[in-house]
Amino acid sequence: MKSVFLYDSHIEFLSDRYNYFKSIYPYFSHRFISNKWGKKSSSFFYHILKGDIKISDEMIDTLCLLFKLEPVEARFFTFLVYYNQSDSVHIKSYYLENELKQMRGEKA
């Protein structure tokens, strides 16, 4: 399993991590993940992987727990989500600049 730090896309990461967990835990399914959000439809997670549904802050927290991300990995994953879901070049630049500053220990 590749490290989250090697991904440019949160969708690719989720897809790879899902397949990895599915290979280890037979119960780990789209339905299992969707149920964690209280969704009855198993297609909810599928639509996230297709990029049809944007991931909210609450969903990020749940995904980080489900996929057993360490705090530093969760922070990077959160950055990937915000960065990739943004439609604005200015907002993408803001996320990129501020995340880099925080990683360097500078004030944003």
N, C-alpha and C. Protein backbone atom coordinates (compact mmCIF):
# COMPACT_ATOMS: atom_id res chain seq x y z
N MET A 1 0.85 -1.18 0.00
CA MET A 1 0.00 0.00 0.00
C MET A 1 0.89 1.24 0.00
N LYS A 2 0.66 2.09 -0.99
CA LYS A 2 1.42 3.34 -1.10
C LYS A 2 1.03 4.31 0.03
N SER A 3 1.97 5.10 0.43
CA SER A 3 1.73 6.14 1.43
C SER A 3 0.83 7.22 0.84
N VAL A 4 0.00 7.82 1.68
CA VAL A 4 -0.87 8.91 1.25
C VAL A 4 -0.06 10.08 0.70
N PHE A 5 1.17 10.22 1.16
CA PHE A 5 2.02 11.34 0.74
C PHE A 5 2.47 11.22 -0.71
N LEU A 6 2.27 10.06 -1.32
CA LEU A 6 2.67 9.85 -2.71
C LEU A 6 1.54 10.13 -3.69
N TYR A 7 0.39 10.54 -3.19
CA TYR A 7 -0.78 10.78 -4.04
C TYR A 7 -0.98 12.26 -4.31
N ASP A 8 -1.48 12.53 -5.52
CA ASP A 8 -1.90 13.88 -5.89
C ASP A 8 -3.42 13.99 -5.85
N SER A 9 -4.09 12.86 -5.80
CA SER A 9 -5.55 12.82 -5.86
C SER A 9 -6.11 12.05 -4.66
N HIS A 10 -7.03 12.67 -3.97
CA HIS A 10 -7.67 12.00 -2.84
C HIS A 10 -8.52 10.82 -3.32
N ILE A 11 -9.06 10.93 -4.52
CA ILE A 11 -9.89 9.86 -5.09
C ILE A 11 -9.04 8.61 -5.35
N GLU A 12 -7.88 8.80 -5.96
CA GLU A 12 -6.98 7.67 -6.21
C GLU A 12 -6.56 7.02 -4.89
N PHE A 13 -6.24 7.85 -3.92
CA PHE A 13 -5.85 7.32 -2.62
C PHE A 13 -6.98 6.49 -2.02
N LEU A 14 -8.20 7.05 -2.01
CA LEU A 14 -9.34 6.33 -1.44
C LEU A 14 -9.59 5.01 -2.16
N SER A 15 -9.49 5.03 -3.46
CA SER A 15 -9.71 3.82 -4.24
C SER A 15 -8.67 2.75 -3.91
N ASP A 16 -7.40 3.14 -3.88
CA ASP A 16 -6.33 2.20 -3.55
C ASP A 16 -6.45 1.69 -2.12
N ARG A 17 -6.71 2.60 -1.19
CA ARG A 17 -6.82 2.21 0.22
C ARG A 17 -8.03 1.30 0.43
N TYR A 18 -9.13 1.62 -0.26
CA TYR A 18 -10.32 0.77 -0.17
C TYR A 18 -10.00 -0.65 -0.65
N ASN A 19 -9.37 -0.76 -1.80
CA ASN A 19 -9.03 -2.08 -2.35
C ASN A 19 -8.09 -2.84 -1.42
N TYR A 20 -7.16 -2.14 -0.82
CA TYR A 20 -6.24 -2.76 0.13
C TYR A 20 -7.00 -3.30 1.35
N PHE A 21 -7.84 -2.46 1.93
CA PHE A 21 -8.60 -2.89 3.11
C PHE A 21 -9.58 -4.01 2.77
N LYS A 22 -10.17 -3.93 1.59
CA LYS A 22 -11.10 -4.97 1.14
C LYS A 22 -10.38 -6.32 1.03
N SER A 23 -9.13 -6.31 0.61
CA SER A 23 -8.38 -7.55 0.47
C SER A 23 -8.04 -8.18 1.83
N ILE A 24 -8.00 -7.35 2.86
CA ILE A 24 -7.67 -7.83 4.20
C ILE A 24 -8.91 -8.16 5.02
N TYR A 25 -9.91 -7.30 4.93
CA TYR A 25 -11.13 -7.43 5.73
C TYR A 25 -12.32 -7.69 4.81
N PRO A 26 -12.84 -8.91 4.78
CA PRO A 26 -13.95 -9.25 3.88
C PRO A 26 -15.20 -8.38 4.08
N TYR A 27 -15.43 -7.91 5.30
CA TYR A 27 -16.61 -7.09 5.59
C TYR A 27 -16.49 -5.67 5.05
N PHE A 28 -15.28 -5.25 4.67
CA PHE A 28 -15.03 -3.89 4.24
C PHE A 28 -15.59 -3.70 2.84
N SER A 29 -16.71 -3.03 2.74
CA SER A 29 -17.41 -2.88 1.46
C SER A 29 -17.92 -1.45 1.32
N HIS A 30 -18.44 -1.15 0.16
CA HIS A 30 -19.06 0.16 -0.06
C HIS A 30 -20.21 0.34 0.92
N ARG A 31 -20.98 -0.72 1.14
CA ARG A 31 -22.11 -0.66 2.06
C ARG A 31 -21.62 -0.39 3.48
N PHE A 32 -20.56 -1.08 3.90
CA PHE A 32 -20.01 -0.88 5.24
C PHE A 32 -19.62 0.59 5.44
N ILE A 33 -18.93 1.17 4.48
CA ILE A 33 -18.50 2.57 4.58
C ILE A 33 -19.70 3.50 4.56
N SER A 34 -20.64 3.27 3.66
CA SER A 34 -21.83 4.12 3.58
C SER A 34 -22.62 4.07 4.87
N ASN A 35 -22.70 2.90 5.49
CA ASN A 35 -23.42 2.76 6.76
C ASN A 35 -22.77 3.58 7.87
N LYS A 36 -21.47 3.76 7.81
CA LYS A 36 -20.77 4.56 8.82
C LYS A 36 -21.23 6.01 8.79
N TRP A 37 -21.74 6.46 7.66
CA TRP A 37 -22.29 7.81 7.52
C TRP A 37 -23.80 7.82 7.70
N GLY A 38 -24.38 6.66 7.99
CA GLY A 38 -25.83 6.57 8.16
C GLY A 38 -26.59 6.54 6.84
N LYS A 39 -25.90 6.21 5.76
CA LYS A 39 -26.54 6.14 4.44
C LYS A 39 -26.97 4.70 4.19
N LYS A 40 -28.19 4.52 3.71
CA LYS A 40 -28.69 3.18 3.45
C LYS A 40 -28.21 2.64 2.11
N SER A 41 -27.90 3.53 1.20
CA SER A 41 -27.49 3.12 -0.14
C SER A 41 -26.00 2.78 -0.16
N SER A 42 -25.67 1.64 -0.68
CA SER A 42 -24.25 1.26 -0.80
C SER A 42 -23.54 2.07 -1.88
N SER A 43 -24.30 2.74 -2.71
CA SER A 43 -23.69 3.49 -3.81
C SER A 43 -23.13 4.84 -3.36
N PHE A 44 -23.38 5.24 -2.13
CA PHE A 44 -22.91 6.54 -1.64
C PHE A 44 -21.38 6.64 -1.75
N PHE A 45 -20.67 5.64 -1.26
CA PHE A 45 -19.21 5.66 -1.34
C PHE A 45 -18.75 5.54 -2.79
N TYR A 46 -19.45 4.76 -3.56
CA TYR A 46 -19.15 4.63 -4.99
C TYR A 46 -19.16 6.01 -5.66
N HIS A 47 -20.16 6.82 -5.33
CA HIS A 47 -20.28 8.16 -5.93
C HIS A 47 -19.17 9.10 -5.44
N ILE A 48 -18.67 8.86 -4.25
CA ILE A 48 -17.51 9.63 -3.78
C ILE A 48 -16.30 9.26 -4.63
N LEU A 49 -16.12 7.96 -4.87
CA LEU A 49 -14.98 7.52 -5.68
C LEU A 49 -15.07 7.99 -7.12
N LYS A 50 -16.26 8.23 -7.60
CA LYS A 50 -16.44 8.75 -8.97
C LYS A 50 -16.27 10.27 -9.00
N GLY A 51 -16.23 10.90 -7.83
CA GLY A 51 -16.12 12.36 -7.77
C GLY A 51 -17.46 13.07 -7.90
N ASP A 52 -18.55 12.32 -7.83
CA ASP A 52 -19.88 12.90 -7.96
C ASP A 52 -20.32 13.61 -6.67
N ILE A 53 -19.78 13.19 -5.54
CA ILE A 53 -20.13 13.76 -4.24
C ILE A 53 -18.87 14.34 -3.62
N LYS A 54 -18.97 15.59 -3.20
CA LYS A 54 -17.84 16.22 -2.52
C LYS A 54 -17.79 15.72 -1.08
N ILE A 55 -16.60 15.59 -0.58
CA ILE A 55 -16.39 15.08 0.77
C ILE A 55 -16.43 16.25 1.76
N SER A 56 -17.29 16.12 2.76
CA SER A 56 -17.42 17.15 3.80
C SER A 56 -16.40 16.90 4.90
N ASP A 57 -16.28 17.86 5.82
CA ASP A 57 -15.36 17.72 6.95
C ASP A 57 -15.70 16.49 7.78
N GLU A 58 -16.98 16.27 8.04
CA GLU A 58 -17.41 15.10 8.81
C GLU A 58 -17.02 13.80 8.09
N MET A 59 -17.18 13.80 6.80
CA MET A 59 -16.82 12.62 6.01
C MET A 59 -15.31 12.38 6.05
N ILE A 60 -14.54 13.46 6.02
CA ILE A 60 -13.08 13.33 6.09
C ILE A 60 -12.70 12.64 7.39
N ASP A 61 -13.29 13.09 8.50
CA ASP A 61 -12.97 12.50 9.80
C ASP A 61 -13.29 11.01 9.82
N THR A 62 -14.44 10.65 9.28
CA THR A 62 -14.84 9.24 9.25
C THR A 62 -13.89 8.43 8.38
N LEU A 63 -13.53 8.95 7.22
CA LEU A 63 -12.60 8.25 6.33
C LEU A 63 -11.24 8.05 6.99
N CYS A 64 -10.77 9.07 7.69
CA CYS A 64 -9.47 8.95 8.36
C CYS A 64 -9.50 7.85 9.42
N LEU A 65 -10.62 7.74 10.12
CA LEU A 65 -10.76 6.67 11.12
C LEU A 65 -10.87 5.31 10.44
N LEU A 66 -11.73 5.22 9.44
CA LEU A 66 -11.94 3.94 8.75
C LEU A 66 -10.67 3.41 8.10
N PHE A 67 -9.90 4.31 7.51
CA PHE A 67 -8.70 3.90 6.81
C PHE A 67 -7.44 3.99 7.68
N LYS A 68 -7.68 4.18 8.98
CA LYS A 68 -6.62 4.12 10.00
C LYS A 68 -5.42 5.02 9.67
N LEU A 69 -5.73 6.27 9.38
CA LEU A 69 -4.66 7.23 9.06
C LEU A 69 -4.10 7.82 10.35
N GLU A 70 -2.79 7.91 10.40
CA GLU A 70 -2.11 8.59 11.50
C GLU A 70 -2.42 10.09 11.39
N PRO A 71 -2.29 10.86 12.49
CA PRO A 71 -2.63 12.29 12.43
C PRO A 71 -1.95 13.06 11.29
N VAL A 72 -0.68 12.83 11.05
CA VAL A 72 0.02 13.54 9.97
C VAL A 72 -0.52 13.10 8.61
N GLU A 73 -0.88 11.83 8.47
CA GLU A 73 -1.48 11.34 7.22
C GLU A 73 -2.87 11.93 7.04
N ALA A 74 -3.63 12.01 8.12
CA ALA A 74 -4.98 12.58 8.06
C ALA A 74 -4.93 14.05 7.64
N ARG A 75 -3.94 14.75 8.13
CA ARG A 75 -3.79 16.16 7.76
C ARG A 75 -3.50 16.31 6.27
N PHE A 76 -2.60 15.46 5.77
CA PHE A 76 -2.28 15.52 4.35
C PHE A 76 -3.48 15.10 3.50
N PHE A 77 -4.19 14.06 3.93
CA PHE A 77 -5.38 13.63 3.21
C PHE A 77 -6.42 14.76 3.16
N THR A 78 -6.61 15.44 4.28
CA THR A 78 -7.55 16.57 4.35
C THR A 78 -7.14 17.65 3.36
N PHE A 79 -5.85 17.94 3.32
CA PHE A 79 -5.34 18.91 2.35
C PHE A 79 -5.66 18.47 0.92
N LEU A 80 -5.41 17.18 0.61
CA LEU A 80 -5.71 16.67 -0.73
C LEU A 80 -7.17 16.85 -1.09
N VAL A 81 -8.05 16.56 -0.14
CA VAL A 81 -9.49 16.70 -0.39
C VAL A 81 -9.82 18.15 -0.70
N TYR A 82 -9.42 19.06 0.17
CA TYR A 82 -9.72 20.48 -0.04
C TYR A 82 -9.12 20.98 -1.35
N TYR A 83 -7.89 20.62 -1.59
CA TYR A 83 -7.20 21.08 -2.79
C TYR A 83 -7.88 20.56 -4.06
N ASN A 84 -8.16 19.27 -4.10
CA ASN A 84 -8.74 18.67 -5.30
C ASN A 84 -10.20 19.02 -5.52
N GLN A 85 -10.93 19.30 -4.46
CA GLN A 85 -12.35 19.62 -4.62
C GLN A 85 -12.58 21.09 -4.95
N SER A 86 -11.56 21.90 -4.83
CA SER A 86 -11.69 23.32 -5.11
C SER A 86 -11.77 23.55 -6.62
N ASP A 87 -12.67 24.43 -7.02
CA ASP A 87 -12.81 24.77 -8.43
C ASP A 87 -12.02 26.02 -8.81
N SER A 88 -11.58 26.75 -7.79
CA SER A 88 -10.91 28.02 -8.02
C SER A 88 -9.39 27.88 -7.95
N VAL A 89 -8.72 28.45 -8.91
CA VAL A 89 -7.25 28.46 -8.92
C VAL A 89 -6.74 29.22 -7.70
N HIS A 90 -7.43 30.30 -7.33
CA HIS A 90 -7.01 31.10 -6.18
C HIS A 90 -7.12 30.30 -4.88
N ILE A 91 -8.19 29.55 -4.74
CA ILE A 91 -8.36 28.74 -3.53
C ILE A 91 -7.35 27.60 -3.51
N LYS A 92 -7.11 26.99 -4.65
CA LYS A 92 -6.08 25.94 -4.72
C LYS A 92 -4.73 26.50 -4.29
N SER A 93 -4.41 27.68 -4.78
CA SER A 93 -3.15 28.34 -4.44
C SER A 93 -3.10 28.61 -2.93
N TYR A 94 -4.20 29.06 -2.37
CA TYR A 94 -4.28 29.34 -0.93
C TYR A 94 -3.99 28.07 -0.13
N TYR A 95 -4.67 26.97 -0.47
CA TYR A 95 -4.46 25.71 0.25
C TYR A 95 -3.01 25.25 0.12
N LEU A 96 -2.49 25.32 -1.07
CA LEU A 96 -1.11 24.87 -1.31
C LEU A 96 -0.12 25.72 -0.52
N GLU A 97 -0.26 27.03 -0.62
CA GLU A 97 0.66 27.93 0.06
C GLU A 97 0.59 27.76 1.58
N ASN A 98 -0.62 27.72 2.13
CA ASN A 98 -0.76 27.61 3.58
C ASN A 98 -0.32 26.26 4.11
N GLU A 99 -0.59 25.20 3.38
CA GLU A 99 -0.17 23.88 3.82
C GLU A 99 1.36 23.78 3.83
N LEU A 100 1.98 24.31 2.80
CA LEU A 100 3.45 24.30 2.76
C LEU A 100 4.05 25.10 3.92
N LYS A 101 3.46 26.24 4.22
CA LYS A 101 3.93 27.05 5.34
C LYS A 101 3.79 26.30 6.64
N GLN A 102 2.66 25.63 6.82
CA GLN A 102 2.44 24.89 8.07
C GLN A 102 3.42 23.72 8.18
N MET A 103 3.69 23.06 7.09
CA MET A 103 4.65 21.95 7.11
C MET A 103 6.05 22.44 7.46
N ARG A 104 6.35 23.66 7.05
CA ARG A 104 7.67 24.24 7.34
C ARG A 104 7.71 24.88 8.73
N GLY A 105 6.55 24.96 9.38
CA GLY A 105 6.49 25.57 10.71
C GLY A 105 6.37 27.08 10.68
N GLU A 106 6.02 27.64 9.51
CA GLU A 106 5.86 29.08 9.38
C GLU A 106 4.42 29.44 9.70
N LYS A 107 4.18 30.71 9.99
CA LYS A 107 2.82 31.18 10.21
C LYS A 107 2.13 31.40 8.88
N ALA A 108 0.90 30.90 8.79
CA ALA A 108 0.13 31.04 7.55
C ALA A 108 -0.47 32.40 7.41
